[in-house]
Each structure stands twice: as structure tokens, then as C-alpha cells.
Amino acid sequence: MIAFITGTILDKTPNSLIVEVQGIGYQIFIPLSTFYRLPEVKESAALHIHTHVREDALQLYGFLSLLEKDLFLLLLGISGVGPKVALGILSGMEPTELVQALRDGNVDRLRAIPGVGPKTAGRLVLELREKVNSLSLAGLQTAASPSTERDRVKEDALSALVNLGYSRNEAKRVIDQIAEEEADESDSVEGLIKKALKKLARVSS
């Protein structure tokens, strides 16, 4: 069973990527929480893997943090929640926010995730409320994970620009440049995106 993969990203989309390891390309399905933090194509990535075996297929699910993988496995243990739904839940809410919603029994917040109905949200709280208390949140505190409010604003703006089609490296360079030039800590995500788009437009013109 494959539990961890390190290799070169050959291709990536918001829900999967192909990682080359010694000449073999592995297709790995991922949540958006992992996609937003992935390096660029042709760069190296290391992912925690869950190998899902069915009668007709063997599929790999990858996560940049152990917290994401642990949550994915807990979600799979819920009746009616398969890999696709579990990825959808992780894509609809940041891992730490999901843990907090489960701990608080926040059914309404869980229902706001696309594909999660009231019955599923109720089962998630009922069955996972206590189990998530044993999860460690430390695994997300890495260089790629924002630890301050300003960092969170920058990371959210970066994710939005990547979704608009800009390369992560280009968008990050512009956002970092804005942060260096302006000491205004009150910038919202929307404000930072607007400033970045203006700079990116000048670069491409």
C-alpha cells in the first residue's frame, strides 16, 4: 500500500495531479486545500497518500498535510460518504475550520458545503465531534500555511489569482512586491487582489 509519494509534478488540476516517480506517472486525486498549496508544474512535491482499493480500481488520494489525510479517513468512516464526497468536504472548508465546525456541532456551516445535505451534516457532527479532538493541528503550520492574519489575506489573494489563470510564481511575486511596497496591514483580500491585477495587467501589456 502506498502511503507517501515524492516526485515531480507533470500536470495538475484543482482535483487531481500527475506525479512522476522514477519514470512512472501516478494520478493522485486531491482536495482544493492541497491544490492551493502545491508547487508549480515541473517542481517537486511530497504528499501523504491514501490508497483506496475497489474491485474495479485502485485510486490514490493525496494530501500535503497529515491533518487533511486524517480528516479524509475519518470522513470515509461515515455512512454515505465515499472518497468523492470526502474530497468535496475538504475542498469546501479549510481543514482547521472543518475541525472547529465539527467540535462546535455547527451543522449549518457544514450544510453550506456543496453536496452536504442536512442528514449528512448531522451524521458528521454526531460521529466525528469527539473523534476530531484527537487530531493534531500542528501539521498545517508550515511555510506554505499562513500563521498571521496578514499571511492569510495574502494566501487567499494568491489562491484567487491562481484560479483566474495566473501562475502561482508570478502571482506570488506580485503579492510579495505589494506587501514590501505598502505597509498597510488593513488590506482586505479583495483590495489586495485588485492591486495585484493592476500590476499583472501592466506586466502583460
C-alpha atoms as a PDB file:
ATOM      1  CA  MET A   1       0.000   0.000   0.000  1.00  0.00           C
ATOM      2  CA  ILE A   2       1.344   3.425  -0.983  1.00  0.00           C
ATOM      3  CA  ALA A   3       1.422   5.843   1.976  1.00  0.00           C
ATOM      4  CA  PHE A   4       3.745   8.624   0.778  1.00  0.00           C
ATOM      5  CA  ILE A   5       4.987   9.900  -2.585  1.00  0.00           C
ATOM      6  CA  THR A   6       7.713  12.360  -3.521  1.00  0.00           C
ATOM      7  CA  GLY A   7       8.187  13.242  -7.167  1.00  0.00           C
ATOM      8  CA  THR A   8       7.916  15.820  -9.941  1.00  0.00           C
ATOM      9  CA  ILE A   9       4.538  17.330 -10.838  1.00  0.00           C
ATOM     10  CA  LEU A  10       3.830  16.666 -14.527  1.00  0.00           C
ATOM     11  CA  ASP A  11       0.319  18.095 -14.574  1.00  0.00           C
ATOM     12  CA  LYS A  12      -2.209  19.413 -12.075  1.00  0.00           C
ATOM     13  CA  THR A  13      -5.863  20.433 -11.937  1.00  0.00           C
ATOM     14  CA  PRO A  14      -7.980  21.538  -8.956  1.00  0.00           C
ATOM     15  CA  ASN A  15      -8.984  17.914  -8.264  1.00  0.00           C
ATOM     16  CA  SER A  16      -6.014  15.797  -9.361  1.00  0.00           C
ATOM     17  CA  LEU A  17      -2.377  15.804 -10.390  1.00  0.00           C
ATOM     18  CA  ILE A  18       0.152  13.513 -12.010  1.00  0.00           C
ATOM     19  CA  VAL A  19       3.408  12.971 -10.136  1.00  0.00           C
ATOM     20  CA  GLU A  20       6.384  11.277 -11.813  1.00  0.00           C
ATOM     21  CA  VAL A  21       8.454   8.972  -9.638  1.00  0.00           C
ATOM     22  CA  GLN A  22      11.370   7.228 -11.371  1.00  0.00           C
ATOM     23  CA  GLY A  23       9.717   7.332 -14.774  1.00  0.00           C
ATOM     24  CA  ILE A  24       6.251   6.307 -13.557  1.00  0.00           C
ATOM     25  CA  GLY A  25       3.391   8.816 -13.505  1.00  0.00           C
ATOM     26  CA  TYR A  26       0.923   8.426 -10.651  1.00  0.00           C
ATOM     27  CA  GLN A  27      -2.508  10.045 -10.874  1.00  0.00           C
ATOM     28  CA  ILE A  28      -3.430  11.399  -7.454  1.00  0.00           C
ATOM     29  CA  PHE A  29      -6.792  12.876  -6.511  1.00  0.00           C
ATOM     30  CA  ILE A  30      -6.606  15.892  -4.196  1.00  0.00           C
ATOM     31  CA  PRO A  31      -8.833  18.400  -2.339  1.00  0.00           C
ATOM     32  CA  LEU A  32      -8.632  22.134  -3.035  1.00  0.00           C
ATOM     33  CA  SER A  33      -6.937  22.644   0.333  1.00  0.00           C
ATOM     34  CA  THR A  34      -3.963  20.748  -1.104  1.00  0.00           C
ATOM     35  CA  PHE A  35      -4.198  22.176  -4.640  1.00  0.00           C
ATOM     36  CA  TYR A  36      -3.837  25.770  -3.435  1.00  0.00           C
ATOM     37  CA  ARG A  37      -0.538  24.955  -1.734  1.00  0.00           C
ATOM     38  CA  LEU A  38       1.046  22.829  -4.464  1.00  0.00           C
ATOM     39  CA  PRO A  39       4.271  23.916  -6.179  1.00  0.00           C
ATOM     40  CA  GLU A  40       4.251  24.663  -9.891  1.00  0.00           C
ATOM     41  CA  VAL A  41       4.360  22.035 -12.652  1.00  0.00           C
ATOM     42  CA  LYS A  42       7.875  20.536 -13.076  1.00  0.00           C
ATOM     43  CA  GLU A  43       8.635  21.228  -9.413  1.00  0.00           C
ATOM     44  CA  SER A  44       8.927  18.591  -6.689  1.00  0.00           C
ATOM     45  CA  ALA A  45       6.058  17.724  -4.356  1.00  0.00           C
ATOM     46  CA  ALA A  46       5.677  15.387  -1.390  1.00  0.00           C
ATOM     47  CA  LEU A  47       2.245  14.062  -0.472  1.00  0.00           C
ATOM     48  CA  HIS A  48       0.722  11.822   2.164  1.00  0.00           C
ATOM     49  CA  ILE A  49      -1.228   9.142   0.302  1.00  0.00           C
ATOM     50  CA  HIS A  50      -4.317   7.072   0.975  1.00  0.00           C
ATOM     51  CA  THR A  51      -4.583   4.047  -1.312  1.00  0.00           C
ATOM     52  CA  HIS A  52      -8.249   3.294  -1.971  1.00  0.00           C
ATOM     53  CA  VAL A  53      -8.853  -0.214  -3.319  1.00  0.00           C
ATOM     54  CA  ARG A  54     -12.079  -1.219  -5.029  1.00  0.00           C
ATOM     55  CA  GLU A  55     -12.968  -4.308  -7.020  1.00  0.00           C
ATOM     56  CA  ASP A  56     -12.593  -2.431 -10.302  1.00  0.00           C
ATOM     57  CA  ALA A  57      -9.977   0.210  -9.456  1.00  0.00           C
ATOM     58  CA  LEU A  58      -7.054   1.281  -7.298  1.00  0.00           C
ATOM     59  CA  GLN A  59      -7.034   5.018  -6.663  1.00  0.00           C
ATOM     60  CA  LEU A  60      -4.590   7.299  -4.873  1.00  0.00           C
ATOM     61  CA  TYR A  61      -5.672  10.293  -2.790  1.00  0.00           C
ATOM     62  CA  GLY A  62      -3.010  12.806  -1.806  1.00  0.00           C
ATOM     63  CA  PHE A  63      -2.669  15.477   0.871  1.00  0.00           C
ATOM     64  CA  LEU A  64       0.052  17.969   1.764  1.00  0.00           C
ATOM     65  CA  SER A  65      -0.676  17.674   5.484  1.00  0.00           C
ATOM     66  CA  LEU A  66      -1.381  14.768   7.791  1.00  0.00           C
ATOM     67  CA  LEU A  67      -4.389  16.654   9.160  1.00  0.00           C
ATOM     68  CA  GLU A  68      -6.042  16.588   5.728  1.00  0.00           C
ATOM     69  CA  LYS A  69      -5.368  12.866   5.379  1.00  0.00           C
ATOM     70  CA  ASP A  70      -6.630  12.113   8.903  1.00  0.00           C
ATOM     71  CA  LEU A  71      -9.825  14.063   8.241  1.00  0.00           C
ATOM     72  CA  PHE A  72     -10.289  12.270   4.911  1.00  0.00           C
ATOM     73  CA  LEU A  73     -10.039   8.878   6.627  1.00  0.00           C
ATOM     74  CA  LEU A  74     -12.486   9.924   9.344  1.00  0.00           C
ATOM     75  CA  LEU A  75     -14.936  11.126   6.691  1.00  0.00           C
ATOM     76  CA  LEU A  76     -14.706   7.806   4.846  1.00  0.00           C
ATOM     77  CA  GLY A  77     -15.918   6.103   8.005  1.00  0.00           C
ATOM     78  CA  ILE A  78     -19.249   7.935   7.825  1.00  0.00           C
ATOM     79  CA  SER A  79     -22.150   6.085   6.202  1.00  0.00           C
ATOM     80  CA  GLY A  80     -22.894   7.539   2.776  1.00  0.00           C
ATOM     81  CA  VAL A  81     -19.557   9.349   2.483  1.00  0.00           C
ATOM     82  CA  GLY A  82     -17.241   7.966  -0.198  1.00  0.00           C
ATOM     83  CA  PRO A  83     -13.928   9.359  -1.476  1.00  0.00           C
ATOM     84  CA  LYS A  84     -15.588  11.839  -3.850  1.00  0.00           C
ATOM     85  CA  VAL A  85     -17.819  13.313  -1.140  1.00  0.00           C
ATOM     86  CA  ALA A  86     -14.934  13.361   1.362  1.00  0.00           C
ATOM     87  CA  LEU A  87     -12.785  15.338  -1.087  1.00  0.00           C
ATOM     88  CA  GLY A  88     -15.708  17.686  -1.669  1.00  0.00           C
ATOM     89  CA  ILE A  89     -15.992  18.360   2.058  1.00  0.00           C
ATOM     90  CA  LEU A  90     -12.268  19.074   2.363  1.00  0.00           C
ATOM     91  CA  SER A  91     -12.494  21.309  -0.708  1.00  0.00           C
ATOM     92  CA  GLY A  92     -15.405  23.257   0.761  1.00  0.00           C
ATOM     93  CA  MET A  93     -13.724  24.230   4.021  1.00  0.00           C
ATOM     94  CA  GLU A  94     -10.190  24.686   5.320  1.00  0.00           C
ATOM     95  CA  PRO A  95      -9.094  21.710   7.490  1.00  0.00           C
ATOM     96  CA  THR A  96      -8.766  23.713  10.707  1.00  0.00           C
ATOM     97  CA  GLU A  97     -12.166  25.328  10.103  1.00  0.00           C
ATOM     98  CA  LEU A  98     -13.701  21.902   9.470  1.00  0.00           C
ATOM     99  CA  VAL A  99     -12.281  20.588  12.743  1.00  0.00           C
ATOM    100  CA  GLN A 100     -13.697  23.606  14.587  1.00  0.00           C
ATOM    101  CA  ALA A 101     -17.133  23.224  12.955  1.00  0.00           C
ATOM    102  CA  LEU A 102     -17.251  19.571  13.994  1.00  0.00           C
ATOM    103  CA  ARG A 103     -16.143  20.350  17.539  1.00  0.00           C
ATOM    104  CA  ASP A 104     -18.769  23.089  17.839  1.00  0.00           C
ATOM    105  CA  GLY A 105     -21.511  20.939  16.286  1.00  0.00           C
ATOM    106  CA  ASN A 106     -22.037  23.668  13.662  1.00  0.00           C
ATOM    107  CA  VAL A 107     -24.446  21.809  11.373  1.00  0.00           C
ATOM    108  CA  ASP A 108     -25.378  24.960   9.441  1.00  0.00           C
ATOM    109  CA  ARG A 109     -21.766  25.621   8.486  1.00  0.00           C
ATOM    110  CA  LEU A 110     -21.337  22.041   7.311  1.00  0.00           C
ATOM    111  CA  ARG A 111     -24.544  22.226   5.280  1.00  0.00           C
ATOM    112  CA  ALA A 112     -23.096  25.209   3.411  1.00  0.00           C
ATOM    113  CA  ILE A 113     -20.564  22.867   1.780  1.00  0.00           C
ATOM    114  CA  PRO A 114     -21.754  21.861  -1.730  1.00  0.00           C
ATOM    115  CA  GLY A 115     -23.033  18.282  -1.725  1.00  0.00           C
ATOM    116  CA  VAL A 116     -23.581  18.074   2.031  1.00  0.00           C
ATOM    117  CA  GLY A 117     -27.250  17.808   2.958  1.00  0.00           C
ATOM    118  CA  PRO A 118     -28.811  18.128   6.412  1.00  0.00           C
ATOM    119  CA  LYS A 119     -28.715  14.381   7.104  1.00  0.00           C
ATOM    120  CA  THR A 120     -25.039  14.078   6.178  1.00  0.00           C
ATOM    121  CA  ALA A 121     -24.143  17.186   8.192  1.00  0.00           C
ATOM    122  CA  GLY A 122     -25.948  15.736  11.200  1.00  0.00           C
ATOM    123  CA  ARG A 123     -24.106  12.416  10.887  1.00  0.00           C
ATOM    124  CA  LEU A 124     -20.761  14.214  10.595  1.00  0.00           C
ATOM    125  CA  VAL A 125     -21.317  16.062  13.859  1.00  0.00           C
ATOM    126  CA  LEU A 126     -22.776  13.051  15.656  1.00  0.00           C
ATOM    127  CA  GLU A 127     -19.982  10.648  14.703  1.00  0.00           C
ATOM    128  CA  LEU A 128     -16.937  12.925  14.461  1.00  0.00           C
ATOM    129  CA  ARG A 129     -17.449  15.550  17.152  1.00  0.00           C
ATOM    130  CA  GLU A 130     -15.411  13.619  19.704  1.00  0.00           C
ATOM    131  CA  LYS A 131     -13.020  11.938  17.275  1.00  0.00           C
ATOM    132  CA  VAL A 132     -11.595  15.194  15.884  1.00  0.00           C
ATOM    133  CA  ASN A 133     -10.410  16.179  19.363  1.00  0.00           C
ATOM    134  CA  SER A 134      -7.526  13.742  18.954  1.00  0.00           C
ATOM    135  CA  LEU A 135      -6.319  15.341  15.709  1.00  0.00           C
ATOM    136  CA  SER A 136      -3.201  17.477  15.712  1.00  0.00           C
ATOM    137  CA  LEU A 137      -3.484  20.874  14.031  1.00  0.00           C
ATOM    138  CA  ALA A 138       0.271  21.425  14.107  1.00  0.00           C
ATOM    139  CA  GLY A 139       0.789  19.742  10.748  1.00  0.00           C
ATOM    140  CA  LEU A 140      -0.627  22.728   8.883  1.00  0.00           C
ATOM    141  CA  GLN A 141       1.733  25.257  10.417  1.00  0.00           C
ATOM    142  CA  THR A 142       4.332  25.128   7.652  1.00  0.00           C
ATOM    143  CA  ALA A 143       5.964  27.716   5.429  1.00  0.00           C
ATOM    144  CA  ALA A 144       3.123  27.256   2.955  1.00  0.00           C
ATOM    145  CA  SER A 145       0.450  27.763   5.594  1.00  0.00           C
ATOM    146  CA  PRO A 146      -0.431  31.285   6.812  1.00  0.00           C
ATOM    147  CA  SER A 147       0.100  31.846  10.529  1.00  0.00           C
ATOM    148  CA  THR A 148      -0.962  35.519  10.806  1.00  0.00           C
ATOM    149  CA  GLU A 149      -3.978  37.479   9.588  1.00  0.00           C
ATOM    150  CA  ARG A 150      -1.826  39.317   7.019  1.00  0.00           C
ATOM    151  CA  ASP A 151      -0.440  35.993   5.775  1.00  0.00           C
ATOM    152  CA  ARG A 152      -3.962  34.593   5.460  1.00  0.00           C
ATOM    153  CA  VAL A 153      -5.024  37.586   3.367  1.00  0.00           C
ATOM    154  CA  LYS A 154      -2.007  37.100   1.089  1.00  0.00           C
ATOM    155  CA  GLU A 155      -2.659  33.360   0.753  1.00  0.00           C
ATOM    156  CA  ASP A 156      -6.355  33.877  -0.078  1.00  0.00           C
ATOM    157  CA  ALA A 157      -5.478  36.505  -2.679  1.00  0.00           C
ATOM    158  CA  LEU A 158      -2.844  34.191  -4.158  1.00  0.00           C
ATOM    159  CA  SER A 159      -5.370  31.348  -4.443  1.00  0.00           C
ATOM    160  CA  ALA A 160      -7.842  33.654  -6.194  1.00  0.00           C
ATOM    161  CA  LEU A 161      -5.238  34.779  -8.735  1.00  0.00           C
ATOM    162  CA  VAL A 162      -4.240  31.175  -9.456  1.00  0.00           C
ATOM    163  CA  ASN A 163      -7.912  30.358 -10.067  1.00  0.00           C
ATOM    164  CA  LEU A 164      -8.026  33.264 -12.527  1.00  0.00           C
ATOM    165  CA  GLY A 165      -5.304  31.599 -14.576  1.00  0.00           C
ATOM    166  CA  TYR A 166      -2.121  33.289 -13.362  1.00  0.00           C
ATOM    167  CA  SER A 167       0.857  31.108 -12.478  1.00  0.00           C
ATOM    168  CA  ARG A 168       1.465  30.707  -8.760  1.00  0.00           C
ATOM    169  CA  ASN A 169       5.034  32.002  -9.015  1.00  0.00           C
ATOM    170  CA  GLU A 170       4.008  35.124 -10.949  1.00  0.00           C
ATOM    171  CA  ALA A 171       1.085  35.886  -8.636  1.00  0.00           C
ATOM    172  CA  LYS A 172       3.175  35.331  -5.508  1.00  0.00           C
ATOM    173  CA  ARG A 173       5.915  37.626  -6.803  1.00  0.00           C
ATOM    174  CA  VAL A 174       3.424  40.451  -7.345  1.00  0.00           C
ATOM    175  CA  ILE A 175       1.698  39.956  -3.984  1.00  0.00           C
ATOM    176  CA  ASP A 176       5.044  39.912  -2.155  1.00  0.00           C
ATOM    177  CA  GLN A 177       6.048  43.079  -4.035  1.00  0.00           C
ATOM    178  CA  ILE A 178       2.869  44.845  -2.925  1.00  0.00           C
ATOM    179  CA  ALA A 179       3.481  43.757   0.665  1.00  0.00           C
ATOM    180  CA  GLU A 180       7.021  45.187   0.566  1.00  0.00           C
ATOM    181  CA  GLU A 181       5.979  48.474  -1.029  1.00  0.00           C
ATOM    182  CA  GLU A 182       2.971  49.108   1.199  1.00  0.00           C
ATOM    183  CA  ALA A 183       2.910  48.843   4.953  1.00  0.00           C
ATOM    184  CA  ASP A 184      -0.894  48.981   5.107  1.00  0.00           C
ATOM    185  CA  GLU A 185      -1.842  45.988   7.214  1.00  0.00           C
ATOM    186  CA  SER A 186      -5.564  46.689   6.767  1.00  0.00           C
ATOM    187  CA  ASP A 187      -5.752  45.456   3.155  1.00  0.00           C
ATOM    188  CA  SER A 188      -8.650  43.085   2.567  1.00  0.00           C
ATOM    189  CA  VAL A 189      -8.421  40.074   0.266  1.00  0.00           C
ATOM    190  CA  GLU A 190     -10.439  41.959  -2.354  1.00  0.00           C
ATOM    191  CA  GLY A 191      -8.231  45.033  -2.085  1.00  0.00           C
ATOM    192  CA  LEU A 192      -5.060  43.023  -2.451  1.00  0.00           C
ATOM    193  CA  ILE A 193      -6.463  41.170  -5.482  1.00  0.00           C
ATOM    194  CA  LYS A 194      -7.353  44.455  -7.193  1.00  0.00           C
ATOM    195  CA  LYS A 195      -3.868  45.860  -6.646  1.00  0.00           C
ATOM    196  CA  ALA A 196      -2.270  42.635  -7.875  1.00  0.00           C
ATOM    197  CA  LEU A 197      -4.441  42.561 -11.005  1.00  0.00           C
ATOM    198  CA  LYS A 198      -3.371  46.123 -11.860  1.00  0.00           C
ATOM    199  CA  LYS A 199       0.290  45.183 -11.579  1.00  0.00           C
ATOM    200  CA  LEU A 200      -0.177  41.973 -13.527  1.00  0.00           C
ATOM    201  CA  ALA A 201      -2.009  43.875 -16.286  1.00  0.00           C
ATOM    202  CA  ARG A 202       0.898  46.314 -16.612  1.00  0.00           C
ATOM    203  CA  VAL A 203       3.377  43.455 -16.815  1.00  0.00           C
ATOM    204  CA  SER A 204       1.462  41.680 -19.586  1.00  0.00           C
ATOM    205  CA  SER A 205       0.747  44.857 -21.606  1.00  0.00           C
END
